[in-house]
Amino acid sequence: MPMKEESRQTDLPALSPAEKDLLTDLRSVNIRMTLPREERIEDFLKQVKNPYLFRCGDMVVQSVYPDTEMTLADRLRRQPGVETTPADWLRQDPEAERTRAEREADRLRRQPGML
């Protein structure tokens, strides 16, 4: 059951078809996994231009956040049946922050005669 504050509608202006066409289509964004994490984030932001307003195909995605101290993880935990959040998963799995290339290099190092 949504809380009263969460269920209110925002008064965001509707976008015209021409304005929608100017938004970055998220499907065209290329995440370069070979870059270090900070550079990947910077590269993503350059490509998407506005991470709070973009499109995915014909669907416009707009992120709006209330002026509150409560985090998304806090809100998710308040929902019935939700016990963990993606942030919890990262804390539980130290491998999650590592890139695929880093994990593969470690795997190869453990094999005799490799690297």
Protein backbone atom coordinates (compact mmCIF):
# COMPACT_ATOMS: atom_id res chain seq x y z
CA MET A 1 0.00 0.00 0.00
CA PRO A 2 1.66 3.28 -1.07
CA MET A 3 2.04 5.97 1.53
CA LYS A 4 0.07 9.15 1.04
CA GLU A 5 3.19 11.17 0.15
CA GLU A 6 4.26 8.59 -2.45
CA SER A 7 0.90 8.36 -4.18
CA ARG A 8 0.54 12.01 -5.09
CA GLN A 9 0.95 12.98 -8.73
CA THR A 10 3.56 15.49 -9.82
CA ASP A 11 2.68 18.39 -12.06
CA LEU A 12 5.23 17.69 -14.77
CA PRO A 13 4.64 19.21 -18.19
CA ALA A 14 3.82 16.81 -21.03
CA LEU A 15 6.42 16.54 -23.76
CA SER A 16 5.54 17.14 -27.40
CA PRO A 17 6.52 14.45 -29.94
CA ALA A 18 9.35 16.71 -31.16
CA GLU A 19 10.66 17.10 -27.60
CA LYS A 20 10.48 13.34 -27.06
CA ASP A 21 12.56 12.78 -30.19
CA LEU A 22 15.29 15.00 -28.74
CA LEU A 23 15.68 12.78 -25.67
CA THR A 24 18.45 10.20 -25.68
CA ASP A 25 17.19 6.69 -26.35
CA LEU A 26 18.77 4.54 -23.65
CA ARG A 27 19.04 1.67 -26.13
CA SER A 28 21.69 3.67 -28.01
CA VAL A 29 23.90 4.13 -24.96
CA ASN A 30 27.02 1.96 -24.98
CA ILE A 31 28.45 1.05 -21.57
CA ARG A 32 32.18 0.55 -22.04
CA MET A 33 33.01 -2.05 -19.39
CA THR A 34 36.75 -1.71 -20.07
CA LEU A 35 36.75 1.75 -18.46
CA PRO A 36 37.31 2.20 -14.72
CA ARG A 37 34.05 2.68 -12.76
CA GLU A 38 34.30 6.47 -12.46
CA GLU A 39 35.07 6.87 -16.17
CA ARG A 40 32.16 4.54 -17.08
CA ILE A 41 29.82 6.74 -15.06
CA GLU A 42 31.17 9.89 -16.70
CA ASP A 43 30.90 8.31 -20.16
CA PHE A 44 27.31 7.20 -19.45
CA LEU A 45 26.35 10.71 -18.34
CA LYS A 46 27.88 12.23 -21.48
CA GLN A 47 25.93 9.82 -23.67
CA VAL A 48 22.56 10.03 -21.91
CA LYS A 49 22.89 13.81 -21.36
CA ASN A 50 20.15 13.90 -18.72
CA PRO A 51 19.96 10.82 -16.46
CA TYR A 52 16.67 12.10 -15.04
CA LEU A 53 14.89 12.39 -18.41
CA PHE A 54 15.48 10.02 -21.33
CA ARG A 55 13.58 7.53 -23.40
CA CYS A 56 13.68 3.81 -24.00
CA GLY A 57 12.11 3.33 -27.39
CA ASP A 58 8.78 5.17 -27.35
CA MET A 59 8.59 5.28 -23.55
CA VAL A 60 9.77 8.45 -21.79
CA VAL A 61 11.45 7.83 -18.43
CA GLN A 62 11.52 10.70 -15.99
CA SER A 63 12.92 10.36 -12.48
CA VAL A 64 11.52 12.66 -9.83
CA TYR A 65 12.63 12.55 -6.22
CA PRO A 66 10.79 14.05 -3.25
CA ASP A 67 12.60 16.40 -0.92
CA THR A 68 13.22 13.90 1.86
CA GLU A 69 16.00 12.21 3.78
CA MET A 70 14.54 8.75 3.01
CA THR A 71 16.55 6.80 0.43
CA LEU A 72 15.20 4.50 -2.25
CA ALA A 73 16.55 1.54 -0.26
CA ASP A 74 14.62 2.78 2.82
CA ARG A 75 11.43 3.01 0.76
CA LEU A 76 11.91 -0.45 -0.73
CA ARG A 77 12.43 -1.98 2.71
CA ARG A 78 9.06 -0.54 3.81
CA GLN A 79 7.23 -2.47 1.09
CA PRO A 80 5.64 -5.77 2.17
CA GLY A 81 7.74 -8.76 1.16
CA VAL A 82 10.90 -6.76 0.42
CA GLU A 83 13.71 -7.74 2.74
CA THR A 84 16.81 -6.72 0.77
CA THR A 85 17.66 -4.15 -1.87
CA PRO A 86 20.25 -4.05 -4.67
CA ALA A 87 22.55 -2.06 -2.36
CA ASP A 88 22.34 -4.91 0.17
CA TRP A 89 23.27 -7.39 -2.56
CA LEU A 90 26.40 -5.40 -3.40
CA ARG A 91 27.45 -5.39 0.25
CA GLN A 92 26.92 -9.15 0.43
CA ASP A 93 28.84 -9.88 -2.79
CA PRO A 94 32.29 -8.24 -2.95
CA GLU A 95 32.63 -9.56 -6.51
CA ALA A 96 29.73 -7.38 -7.67
CA GLU A 97 31.85 -4.21 -7.78
CA ARG A 98 34.60 -5.85 -9.82
CA THR A 99 34.52 -5.77 -13.58
CA ARG A 100 34.18 -8.88 -15.66
CA ALA A 101 37.75 -8.34 -16.95
CA GLU A 102 39.12 -8.19 -13.39
CA ARG A 103 37.38 -11.43 -12.47
CA GLU A 104 38.60 -13.16 -15.62
CA ALA A 105 42.20 -12.00 -15.02
CA ASP A 106 42.05 -13.41 -11.49
CA ARG A 107 40.67 -16.70 -12.78
CA LEU A 108 43.48 -16.97 -15.32
CA ARG A 109 46.10 -16.15 -12.68
CA ARG A 110 44.94 -19.11 -10.63
CA GLN A 111 45.47 -21.50 -13.55
CA PRO A 112 49.01 -22.89 -13.94
CA GLY A 113 50.87 -21.49 -16.95
CA MET A 114 48.47 -18.58 -17.52
CA LEU A 115 49.41 -14.91 -17.32
